[in-house]
């Protein structure tokens, strides 16, 4: 039986790993937007894409319950987030360019 200290340590490690993993698309988009400095609508569209990917992955677990557990979520989340960030921000970028011309 693990002691209370070991259980708390395991909890902190699992929590920090989950936070880093699930916030990675937002952090990558933050780094990209700081380097490139796109318009605000493009920035917000990228964050919306990352958040929508997280919502979709969470929905897989809730409706209906995911029988495989976390592995499917972990394999699908980052590629889905990258795809939706590119799609949402790309559409916003094209919309901004067309509106300016």
PDB file of N, CA and C in Angstrom:
ATOM      1  N   UNK A   1       0.837  -1.177   0.000  1.00  0.00           N
ATOM      2  CA  UNK A   1       0.000   0.000   0.000  1.00  0.00           C
ATOM      3  C   UNK A   1       0.883   1.242   0.000  1.00  0.00           C
ATOM      4  N   UNK A   2       0.565   2.157  -0.884  1.00  0.00           N
ATOM      5  CA  UNK A   2       1.350   3.381  -0.996  1.00  0.00           C
ATOM      6  C   UNK A   2       1.035   4.334   0.146  1.00  0.00           C
ATOM      7  N   UNK A   3       2.035   5.079   0.533  1.00  0.00           N
ATOM      8  CA  UNK A   3       1.820   6.095   1.554  1.00  0.00           C
ATOM      9  C   UNK A   3       1.138   7.311   0.963  1.00  0.00           C
ATOM     10  N   UNK A   4       0.651   8.157   1.831  1.00  0.00           N
ATOM     11  CA  UNK A   4      -0.058   9.357   1.382  1.00  0.00           C
ATOM     12  C   UNK A   4       0.849  10.270   0.581  1.00  0.00           C
ATOM     13  N   UNK A   5       2.104  10.324   0.956  1.00  0.00           N
ATOM     14  CA  UNK A   5       3.052  11.163   0.209  1.00  0.00           C
ATOM     15  C   UNK A   5       3.262  10.652  -1.207  1.00  0.00           C
ATOM     16  N   UNK A   6       3.401   9.344  -1.360  1.00  0.00           N
ATOM     17  CA  UNK A   6       3.610   8.759  -2.688  1.00  0.00           C
ATOM     18  C   UNK A   6       2.374   8.943  -3.557  1.00  0.00           C
ATOM     19  N   UNK A   7       1.193   8.764  -2.982  1.00  0.00           N
ATOM     20  CA  UNK A   7      -0.042   8.958  -3.743  1.00  0.00           C
ATOM     21  C   UNK A   7      -0.183  10.405  -4.204  1.00  0.00           C
ATOM     22  N   UNK A   8       0.144  11.342  -3.339  1.00  0.00           N
ATOM     23  CA  UNK A   8       0.075  12.756  -3.704  1.00  0.00           C
ATOM     24  C   UNK A   8       1.087  13.077  -4.798  1.00  0.00           C
ATOM     25  N   UNK A   9       2.276  12.512  -4.696  1.00  0.00           N
ATOM     26  CA  UNK A   9       3.311  12.716  -5.709  1.00  0.00           C
ATOM     27  C   UNK A   9       2.864  12.170  -7.066  1.00  0.00           C
ATOM     28  N   UNK A  10       2.266  10.976  -7.055  1.00  0.00           N
ATOM     29  CA  UNK A  10       1.761  10.393  -8.300  1.00  0.00           C
ATOM     30  C   UNK A  10       0.646  11.248  -8.896  1.00  0.00           C
ATOM     31  N   UNK A  11      -0.202  11.801  -8.043  1.00  0.00           N
ATOM     32  CA  UNK A  11      -1.282  12.672  -8.503  1.00  0.00           C
ATOM     33  C   UNK A  11      -0.720  13.922  -9.174  1.00  0.00           C
ATOM     34  N   UNK A  12       0.273  14.541  -8.566  1.00  0.00           N
ATOM     35  CA  UNK A  12       0.869  15.760  -9.120  1.00  0.00           C
ATOM     36  C   UNK A  12       1.531  15.474 -10.465  1.00  0.00           C
ATOM     37  N   UNK A  13       2.228  14.355 -10.574  1.00  0.00           N
ATOM     38  CA  UNK A  13       2.874  13.992 -11.841  1.00  0.00           C
ATOM     39  C   UNK A  13       1.825  13.772 -12.932  1.00  0.00           C
ATOM     40  N   UNK A  14       0.762  13.046 -12.610  1.00  0.00           N
ATOM     41  CA  UNK A  14      -0.298  12.799 -13.604  1.00  0.00           C
ATOM     42  C   UNK A  14      -1.004  14.093 -13.990  1.00  0.00           C
ATOM     43  N   UNK A  15      -1.273  14.942 -13.020  1.00  0.00           N
ATOM     44  CA  UNK A  15      -1.951  16.207 -13.294  1.00  0.00           C
ATOM     45  C   UNK A  15      -1.102  17.120 -14.166  1.00  0.00           C
ATOM     46  N   UNK A  16       0.160  17.255 -13.839  1.00  0.00           N
ATOM     47  CA  UNK A  16       1.021  18.144 -14.630  1.00  0.00           C
ATOM     48  C   UNK A  16       1.224  17.611 -16.040  1.00  0.00           C
ATOM     49  N   UNK A  17       1.343  16.308 -16.187  1.00  0.00           N
ATOM     50  CA  UNK A  17       1.464  15.732 -17.529  1.00  0.00           C
ATOM     51  C   UNK A  17       0.223  15.972 -18.363  1.00  0.00           C
ATOM     52  N   UNK A  18      -0.941  15.831 -17.753  1.00  0.00           N
ATOM     53  CA  UNK A  18      -2.194  16.069 -18.469  1.00  0.00           C
ATOM     54  C   UNK A  18      -2.355  17.522 -18.870  1.00  0.00           C
ATOM     55  N   UNK A  19      -1.993  18.425 -17.968  1.00  0.00           N
ATOM     56  CA  UNK A  19      -2.107  19.855 -18.272  1.00  0.00           C
ATOM     57  C   UNK A  19      -1.193  20.226 -19.436  1.00  0.00           C
ATOM     58  N   UNK A  20       0.032  19.732 -19.406  1.00  0.00           N
ATOM     59  CA  UNK A  20       0.971  20.032 -20.500  1.00  0.00           C
ATOM     60  C   UNK A  20       0.472  19.454 -21.808  1.00  0.00           C
ATOM     61  N   UNK A  21      -0.012  18.206 -21.784  1.00  0.00           N
ATOM     62  CA  UNK A  21      -0.467  17.560 -23.011  1.00  0.00           C
ATOM     63  C   UNK A  21      -1.671  18.270 -23.611  1.00  0.00           C
ATOM     64  N   UNK A  22      -2.689  18.519 -22.784  1.00  0.00           N
ATOM     65  CA  UNK A  22      -3.913  19.099 -23.316  1.00  0.00           C
ATOM     66  C   UNK A  22      -3.802  20.589 -23.623  1.00  0.00           C
ATOM     67  N   UNK A  23      -2.819  21.273 -23.068  1.00  0.00           N
ATOM     68  CA  UNK A  23      -2.627  22.690 -23.404  1.00  0.00           C
ATOM     69  C   UNK A  23      -1.591  22.891 -24.507  1.00  0.00           C
ATOM     70  N   UNK A  24      -0.957  21.835 -24.971  1.00  0.00           N
ATOM     71  CA  UNK A  24       0.094  21.943 -25.992  1.00  0.00           C
ATOM     72  C   UNK A  24      -0.367  22.654 -27.268  1.00  0.00           C
ATOM     73  N   UNK A  25      -1.542  22.343 -27.844  1.00  0.00           N
ATOM     74  CA  UNK A  25      -1.949  23.071 -29.057  1.00  0.00           C
ATOM     75  C   UNK A  25      -2.119  24.570 -28.821  1.00  0.00           C
ATOM     76  N   UNK A  26      -2.667  24.939 -27.665  1.00  0.00           N
ATOM     77  CA  UNK A  26      -2.826  26.358 -27.356  1.00  0.00           C
ATOM     78  C   UNK A  26      -1.460  27.030 -27.193  1.00  0.00           C
ATOM     79  N   UNK A  27      -0.539  26.348 -26.547  1.00  0.00           N
ATOM     80  CA  UNK A  27       0.798  26.919 -26.353  1.00  0.00           C
ATOM     81  C   UNK A  27       1.566  27.032 -27.672  1.00  0.00           C
ATOM     82  N   UNK A  28       1.408  26.036 -28.540  1.00  0.00           N
ATOM     83  CA  UNK A  28       2.059  26.110 -29.862  1.00  0.00           C
ATOM     84  C   UNK A  28       1.474  27.251 -30.687  1.00  0.00           C
ATOM     85  N   UNK A  29       0.156  27.414 -30.628  1.00  0.00           N
ATOM     86  CA  UNK A  29      -0.473  28.520 -31.357  1.00  0.00           C
ATOM     87  C   UNK A  29      -0.033  29.865 -30.783  1.00  0.00           C
ATOM     88  N   UNK A  30       0.133  29.936 -29.468  1.00  0.00           N
ATOM     89  CA  UNK A  30       0.634  31.152 -28.834  1.00  0.00           C
ATOM     90  C   UNK A  30       2.017  31.503 -29.356  1.00  0.00           C
ATOM     91  N   UNK A  31       2.907  30.507 -29.434  1.00  0.00           N
ATOM     92  CA  UNK A  31       4.255  30.756 -29.943  1.00  0.00           C
ATOM     93  C   UNK A  31       4.210  31.208 -31.401  1.00  0.00           C
ATOM     94  N   UNK A  32       3.363  30.556 -32.205  1.00  0.00           N
ATOM     95  CA  UNK A  32       3.239  30.920 -33.611  1.00  0.00           C
ATOM     96  C   UNK A  32       2.727  32.348 -33.762  1.00  0.00           C
ATOM     97  N   UNK A  33       1.687  32.696 -33.001  1.00  0.00           N
ATOM     98  CA  UNK A  33       1.109  34.031 -33.150  1.00  0.00           C
ATOM     99  C   UNK A  33       2.055  35.109 -32.658  1.00  0.00           C
ATOM    100  N   UNK A  34       2.900  34.811 -31.679  1.00  0.00           N
ATOM    101  CA  UNK A  34       3.881  35.800 -31.232  1.00  0.00           C
ATOM    102  C   UNK A  34       4.980  36.015 -32.269  1.00  0.00           C
ATOM    103  N   UNK A  35       5.309  34.969 -33.018  1.00  0.00           N
ATOM    104  CA  UNK A  35       6.342  35.089 -34.054  1.00  0.00           C
ATOM    105  C   UNK A  35       5.813  35.746 -35.324  1.00  0.00           C
ATOM    106  N   UNK A  36       4.631  35.361 -35.759  1.00  0.00           N
ATOM    107  CA  UNK A  36       4.105  35.812 -37.046  1.00  0.00           C
ATOM    108  C   UNK A  36       3.271  37.079 -36.920  1.00  0.00           C
ATOM    109  N   UNK A  37       2.590  37.264 -35.814  1.00  0.00           N
ATOM    110  CA  UNK A  37       1.724  38.417 -35.551  1.00  0.00           C
ATOM    111  C   UNK A  37       0.620  38.582 -36.609  1.00  0.00           C
ATOM    112  N   UNK A  38      -0.240  37.553 -36.756  1.00  0.00           N
ATOM    113  CA  UNK A  38      -1.360  37.687 -37.688  1.00  0.00           C
ATOM    114  C   UNK A  38      -2.442  38.591 -37.099  1.00  0.00           C
ATOM    115  N   UNK A  39      -3.470  38.849 -37.883  1.00  0.00           N
ATOM    116  CA  UNK A  39      -4.560  39.709 -37.408  1.00  0.00           C
ATOM    117  C   UNK A  39      -5.301  39.026 -36.253  1.00  0.00           C
ATOM    118  N   UNK A  40      -6.030  39.817 -35.509  1.00  0.00           N
ATOM    119  CA  UNK A  40      -6.684  39.291 -34.305  1.00  0.00           C
ATOM    120  C   UNK A  40      -7.741  38.240 -34.628  1.00  0.00           C
ATOM    121  N   UNK A  41      -8.421  38.370 -35.753  1.00  0.00           N
ATOM    122  CA  UNK A  41      -9.421  37.359 -36.100  1.00  0.00           C
ATOM    123  C   UNK A  41      -8.752  36.013 -36.413  1.00  0.00           C
ATOM    124  N   UNK A  42      -7.587  36.056 -37.025  1.00  0.00           N
ATOM    125  CA  UNK A  42      -6.849  34.823 -37.308  1.00  0.00           C
ATOM    126  C   UNK A  42      -6.355  34.202 -36.001  1.00  0.00           C
ATOM    127  N   UNK A  43      -5.875  35.031 -35.100  1.00  0.00           N
ATOM    128  CA  UNK A  43      -5.414  34.535 -33.795  1.00  0.00           C
ATOM    129  C   UNK A  43      -6.551  33.852 -33.055  1.00  0.00           C
ATOM    130  N   UNK A  44      -7.697  34.515 -32.971  1.00  0.00           N
ATOM    131  CA  UNK A  44      -8.830  33.941 -32.248  1.00  0.00           C
ATOM    132  C   UNK A  44      -9.367  32.691 -32.932  1.00  0.00           C
ATOM    133  N   UNK A  45      -9.286  32.647 -34.244  1.00  0.00           N
ATOM    134  CA  UNK A  45      -9.733  31.453 -34.967  1.00  0.00           C
ATOM    135  C   UNK A  45      -8.837  30.262 -34.648  1.00  0.00           C
ATOM    136  N   UNK A  46      -7.543  30.484 -34.521  1.00  0.00           N
ATOM    137  CA  UNK A  46      -6.633  29.406 -34.146  1.00  0.00           C
ATOM    138  C   UNK A  46      -6.928  28.864 -32.759  1.00  0.00           C
ATOM    139  N   UNK A  47      -7.167  29.766 -31.810  1.00  0.00           N
ATOM    140  CA  UNK A  47      -7.530  29.326 -30.462  1.00  0.00           C
ATOM    141  C   UNK A  47      -8.879  28.596 -30.462  1.00  0.00           C
ATOM    142  N   UNK A  48      -9.796  29.051 -31.296  1.00  0.00           N
ATOM    143  CA  UNK A  48     -11.089  28.368 -31.405  1.00  0.00           C
ATOM    144  C   UNK A  48     -10.925  26.957 -31.951  1.00  0.00           C
ATOM    145  N   UNK A  49     -10.048  26.799 -32.926  1.00  0.00           N
ATOM    146  CA  UNK A  49      -9.782  25.468 -33.467  1.00  0.00           C
ATOM    147  C   UNK A  49      -9.191  24.531 -32.425  1.00  0.00           C
ATOM    148  N   UNK A  50      -8.254  25.026 -31.632  1.00  0.00           N
ATOM    149  CA  UNK A  50      -7.652  24.195 -30.579  1.00  0.00           C
ATOM    150  C   UNK A  50      -8.685  23.843 -29.515  1.00  0.00           C
ATOM    151  N   UNK A  51      -9.506  24.790 -29.145  1.00  0.00           N
ATOM    152  CA  UNK A  51     -10.539  24.534 -28.132  1.00  0.00           C
ATOM    153  C   UNK A  51     -11.612  23.581 -28.661  1.00  0.00           C
ATOM    154  N   UNK A  52     -11.959  23.719 -29.925  1.00  0.00           N
ATOM    155  CA  UNK A  52     -12.957  22.826 -30.521  1.00  0.00           C
ATOM    156  C   UNK A  52     -12.437  21.396 -30.587  1.00  0.00           C
ATOM    157  N   UNK A  53     -11.147  21.233 -30.869  1.00  0.00           N
ATOM    158  CA  UNK A  53     -10.557  19.892 -30.871  1.00  0.00           C
ATOM    159  C   UNK A  53     -10.649  19.267 -29.480  1.00  0.00           C
ATOM    160  N   UNK A  54     -10.362  20.042 -28.458  1.00  0.00           N
ATOM    161  CA  UNK A  54     -10.470  19.545 -27.088  1.00  0.00           C
ATOM    162  C   UNK A  54     -11.913  19.171 -26.766  1.00  0.00           C
ATOM    163  N   UNK A  55     -12.859  19.977 -27.202  1.00  0.00           N
ATOM    164  CA  UNK A  55     -14.275  19.673 -26.997  1.00  0.00           C
ATOM    165  C   UNK A  55     -14.669  18.368 -27.698  1.00  0.00           C
ATOM    166  N   UNK A  56     -14.216  18.193 -28.935  1.00  0.00           N
ATOM    167  CA  UNK A  56     -14.554  16.975 -29.665  1.00  0.00           C
ATOM    168  C   UNK A  56     -13.964  15.737 -29.004  1.00  0.00           C
ATOM    169  N   UNK A  57     -12.727  15.820 -28.559  1.00  0.00           N
ATOM    170  CA  UNK A  57     -12.095  14.677 -27.904  1.00  0.00           C
ATOM    171  C   UNK A  57     -12.790  14.369 -26.581  1.00  0.00           C
ATOM    172  N   UNK A  58     -13.154  15.397 -25.840  1.00  0.00           N
ATOM    173  CA  UNK A  58     -13.890  15.179 -24.590  1.00  0.00           C
ATOM    174  C   UNK A  58     -15.261  14.566 -24.865  1.00  0.00           C
ATOM    175  N   UNK A  59     -15.881  14.928 -25.976  1.00  0.00           N
ATOM    176  CA  UNK A  59     -17.180  14.366 -26.337  1.00  0.00           C
ATOM    177  C   UNK A  59     -17.070  12.882 -26.654  1.00  0.00           C
ATOM    178  N   UNK A  60     -15.941  12.451 -27.188  1.00  0.00           N
ATOM    179  CA  UNK A  60     -15.750  11.023 -27.441  1.00  0.00           C
ATOM    180  C   UNK A  60     -15.800  10.238 -26.138  1.00  0.00           C
ATOM    181  N   UNK A  61     -15.316  10.827 -25.069  1.00  0.00           N
ATOM    182  CA  UNK A  61     -15.295  10.151 -23.784  1.00  0.00           C
ATOM    183  C   UNK A  61     -16.666  10.178 -23.118  1.00  0.00           C
ATOM    184  N   UNK A  62     -17.442  11.226 -23.372  1.00  0.00           N
ATOM    185  CA  UNK A  62     -18.727  11.370 -22.698  1.00  0.00           C
ATOM    186  C   UNK A  62     -19.890  10.737 -23.444  1.00  0.00           C
ATOM    187  N   UNK A  63     -19.927  10.934 -24.756  1.00  0.00           N
ATOM    188  CA  UNK A  63     -21.091  10.504 -25.532  1.00  0.00           C
ATOM    189  C   UNK A  63     -20.721   9.665 -26.729  1.00  0.00           C
ATOM    190  N   UNK A  64     -20.861   8.400 -26.774  1.00  0.00           N
ATOM    191  CA  UNK A  64     -20.998   7.438 -25.684  1.00  0.00           C
ATOM    192  C   UNK A  64     -19.648   7.242 -25.004  1.00  0.00           C
ATOM    193  N   UNK A  65     -19.620   6.587 -23.844  1.00  0.00           N
ATOM    194  CA  UNK A  65     -18.341   6.398 -23.149  1.00  0.00           C
ATOM    195  C   UNK A  65     -17.324   5.666 -24.018  1.00  0.00           C
ATOM    196  N   UNK A  66     -16.095   6.156 -24.010  1.00  0.00           N
ATOM    197  CA  UNK A  66     -15.008   5.565 -24.790  1.00  0.00           C
ATOM    198  C   UNK A  66     -14.542   4.288 -24.102  1.00  0.00           C
ATOM    199  N   UNK A  67     -14.761   3.154 -24.748  1.00  0.00           N
ATOM    200  CA  UNK A  67     -14.414   1.865 -24.149  1.00  0.00           C
ATOM    201  C   UNK A  67     -12.910   1.611 -24.106  1.00  0.00           C
ATOM    202  N   UNK A  68     -12.164   2.251 -24.997  1.00  0.00           N
ATOM    203  CA  UNK A  68     -10.724   2.000 -25.060  1.00  0.00           C
ATOM    204  C   UNK A  68      -9.953   2.790 -24.006  1.00  0.00           C
ATOM    205  N   UNK A  69     -10.567   3.787 -23.421  1.00  0.00           N
ATOM    206  CA  UNK A  69      -9.864   4.608 -22.447  1.00  0.00           C
ATOM    207  C   UNK A  69      -9.138   5.751 -23.131  1.00  0.00           C
ATOM    208  N   UNK A  70      -8.101   6.251 -22.506  1.00  0.00           N
ATOM    209  CA  UNK A  70      -7.397   7.428 -22.994  1.00  0.00           C
ATOM    210  C   UNK A  70      -6.541   7.232 -24.236  1.00  0.00           C
ATOM    211  N   UNK A  71      -6.049   6.036 -24.571  1.00  0.00           N
ATOM    212  CA  UNK A  71      -5.149   5.945 -25.729  1.00  0.00           C
ATOM    213  C   UNK A  71      -5.711   6.510 -27.024  1.00  0.00           C
ATOM    214  N   UNK A  72      -6.990   6.289 -27.298  1.00  0.00           N
ATOM    215  CA  UNK A  72      -7.578   6.827 -28.527  1.00  0.00           C
ATOM    216  C   UNK A  72      -7.600   8.348 -28.458  1.00  0.00           C
ATOM    217  N   UNK A  73      -7.941   8.891 -27.296  1.00  0.00           N
ATOM    218  CA  UNK A  73      -7.962  10.338 -27.147  1.00  0.00           C
ATOM    219  C   UNK A  73      -6.571  10.912 -27.334  1.00  0.00           C
ATOM    220  N   UNK A  74      -5.583  10.287 -26.746  1.00  0.00           N
ATOM    221  CA  UNK A  74      -4.219  10.808 -26.824  1.00  0.00           C
ATOM    222  C   UNK A  74      -3.681  10.740 -28.249  1.00  0.00           C
ATOM    223  N   UNK A  75      -4.051   9.692 -28.994  1.00  0.00           N
ATOM    224  CA  UNK A  75      -3.567   9.577 -30.375  1.00  0.00           C
ATOM    225  C   UNK A  75      -4.279  10.541 -31.306  1.00  0.00           C
ATOM    226  N   UNK A  76      -5.527  10.866 -31.037  1.00  0.00           N
ATOM    227  CA  UNK A  76      -6.317  11.688 -31.955  1.00  0.00           C
ATOM    228  C   UNK A  76      -6.258  13.173 -31.646  1.00  0.00           C
ATOM    229  N   UNK A  77      -5.974  13.545 -30.404  1.00  0.00           N
ATOM    230  CA  UNK A  77      -6.119  14.943 -30.007  1.00  0.00           C
ATOM    231  C   UNK A  77      -5.151  15.882 -30.718  1.00  0.00           C
ATOM    232  N   UNK A  78      -3.869  15.605 -30.675  1.00  0.00           N
ATOM    233  CA  UNK A  78      -2.898  16.532 -31.272  1.00  0.00           C
ATOM    234  C   UNK A  78      -3.050  16.666 -32.790  1.00  0.00           C
ATOM    235  N   UNK A  79      -3.211  15.570 -33.543  1.00  0.00           N
ATOM    236  CA  UNK A  79      -3.440  15.754 -34.988  1.00  0.00           C
ATOM    237  C   UNK A  79      -4.741  16.499 -35.290  1.00  0.00           C
ATOM    238  N   UNK A  80      -5.796  16.197 -34.524  1.00  0.00           N
ATOM    239  CA  UNK A  80      -7.059  16.901 -34.737  1.00  0.00           C
ATOM    240  C   UNK A  80      -6.921  18.382 -34.420  1.00  0.00           C
ATOM    241  N   UNK A  81      -6.230  18.702 -33.342  1.00  0.00           N
ATOM    242  CA  UNK A  81      -6.025  20.107 -32.974  1.00  0.00           C
ATOM    243  C   UNK A  81      -5.218  20.824 -34.054  1.00  0.00           C
ATOM    244  N   UNK A  82      -4.162  20.200 -34.546  1.00  0.00           N
ATOM    245  CA  UNK A  82      -3.359  20.825 -35.602  1.00  0.00           C
ATOM    246  C   UNK A  82      -4.200  21.059 -36.854  1.00  0.00           C
ATOM    247  N   UNK A  83      -4.991  20.071 -37.230  1.00  0.00           N
ATOM    248  CA  UNK A  83      -5.839  20.200 -38.411  1.00  0.00           C
ATOM    249  C   UNK A  83      -6.856  21.323 -38.243  1.00  0.00           C
ATOM    250  N   UNK A  84      -7.504  21.390 -37.085  1.00  0.00           N
ATOM    251  CA  UNK A  84      -8.521  22.421 -36.882  1.00  0.00           C
ATOM    252  C   UNK A  84      -7.925  23.815 -36.731  1.00  0.00           C
ATOM    253  N   UNK A  85      -6.750  23.910 -36.134  1.00  0.00           N
ATOM    254  CA  UNK A  85      -6.082  25.212 -36.057  1.00  0.00           C
ATOM    255  C   UNK A  85      -5.759  25.713 -37.460  1.00  0.00           C
ATOM    256  N   UNK A  86      -5.210  24.854 -38.284  1.00  0.00           N
ATOM    257  CA  UNK A  86      -4.873  25.235 -39.662  1.00  0.00           C
ATOM    258  C   UNK A  86      -6.135  25.579 -40.437  1.00  0.00           C
ATOM    259  N   UNK A  87      -7.175  24.771 -40.278  1.00  0.00           N
ATOM    260  CA  UNK A  87      -8.421  25.007 -41.007  1.00  0.00           C
ATOM    261  C   UNK A  87      -9.089  26.305 -40.566  1.00  0.00           C
ATOM    262  N   UNK A  88      -9.286  26.478 -39.265  1.00  0.00           N
ATOM    263  CA  UNK A  88      -9.988  27.668 -38.771  1.00  0.00           C
ATOM    264  C   UNK A  88      -9.201  28.938 -39.063  1.00  0.00           C
ATOM    265  N   UNK A  89      -7.909  28.925 -38.764  1.00  0.00           N
ATOM    266  CA  UNK A  89      -7.116  30.138 -38.993  1.00  0.00           C
ATOM    267  C   UNK A  89      -6.912  30.391 -40.489  1.00  0.00           C
ATOM    268  N   UNK A  90      -6.824  29.332 -41.289  1.00  0.00           N
ATOM    269  CA  UNK A  90      -6.695  29.501 -42.733  1.00  0.00           C
ATOM    270  C   UNK A  90      -7.925  30.137 -43.346  1.00  0.00           C
ATOM    271  N   UNK A  91      -9.094  29.689 -42.923  1.00  0.00           N
ATOM    272  CA  UNK A  91     -10.338  30.284 -43.421  1.00  0.00           C
ATOM    273  C   UNK A  91     -10.432  31.743 -42.981  1.00  0.00           C
ATOM    274  N   UNK A  92     -10.065  32.024 -41.738  1.00  0.00           N
ATOM    275  CA  UNK A  92     -10.099  33.411 -41.261  1.00  0.00           C
ATOM    276  C   UNK A  92      -9.109  34.284 -42.019  1.00  0.00           C
ATOM    277  N   UNK A  93      -7.921  33.740 -42.311  1.00  0.00           N
ATOM    278  CA  UNK A  93      -6.912  34.485 -43.062  1.00  0.00           C
ATOM    279  C   UNK A  93      -7.428  34.818 -44.461  1.00  0.00           C
ATOM    280  N   UNK A  94      -8.029  33.847 -45.125  1.00  0.00           N
ATOM    281  CA  UNK A  94      -8.581  34.074 -46.471  1.00  0.00           C
ATOM    282  C   UNK A  94      -9.712  35.098 -46.411  1.00  0.00           C
ATOM    283  N   UNK A  95     -10.557  34.990 -45.388  1.00  0.00           N
ATOM    284  CA  UNK A  95     -11.662  35.947 -45.216  1.00  0.00           C
ATOM    285  C   UNK A  95     -11.118  37.361 -45.045  1.00  0.00           C
ATOM    286  N   UNK A  96     -10.085  37.533 -44.249  1.00  0.00           N
ATOM    287  CA  UNK A  96      -9.487  38.861 -44.018  1.00  0.00           C
ATOM    288  C   UNK A  96      -8.880  39.393 -45.302  1.00  0.00           C
ATOM    289  N   UNK A  97      -8.171  38.537 -46.049  1.00  0.00           N
ATOM    290  CA  UNK A  97      -7.548  38.971 -47.301  1.00  0.00           C
ATOM    291  C   UNK A  97      -8.596  39.375 -48.332  1.00  0.00           C
ATOM    292  N   UNK A  98      -9.669  38.609 -48.450  1.00  0.00           N
ATOM    293  CA  UNK A  98     -10.718  38.930 -49.411  1.00  0.00           C
ATOM    294  C   UNK A  98     -11.474  40.198 -49.014  1.00  0.00           C
ATOM    295  N   UNK A  99     -11.652  40.409 -47.736  1.00  0.00           N
ATOM    296  CA  UNK A  99     -12.351  41.594 -47.266  1.00  0.00           C
ATOM    297  C   UNK A  99     -11.540  42.860 -47.495  1.00  0.00           C
ATOM    298  N   UNK A 100     -10.227  42.757 -47.419  1.00  0.00           N
ATOM    299  CA  UNK A 100      -9.361  43.923 -47.637  1.00  0.00           C
ATOM    300  C   UNK A 100      -9.247  44.301 -49.112  1.00  0.00           C
ATOM    301  N   UNK A 101      -9.452  43.334 -49.984  1.00  0.00           N
ATOM    302  CA  UNK A 101      -9.273  43.645 -51.418  1.00  0.00           C
ATOM    303  C   UNK A 101     -10.565  44.038 -52.089  1.00  0.00           C
TER     304      UNK A 101
END
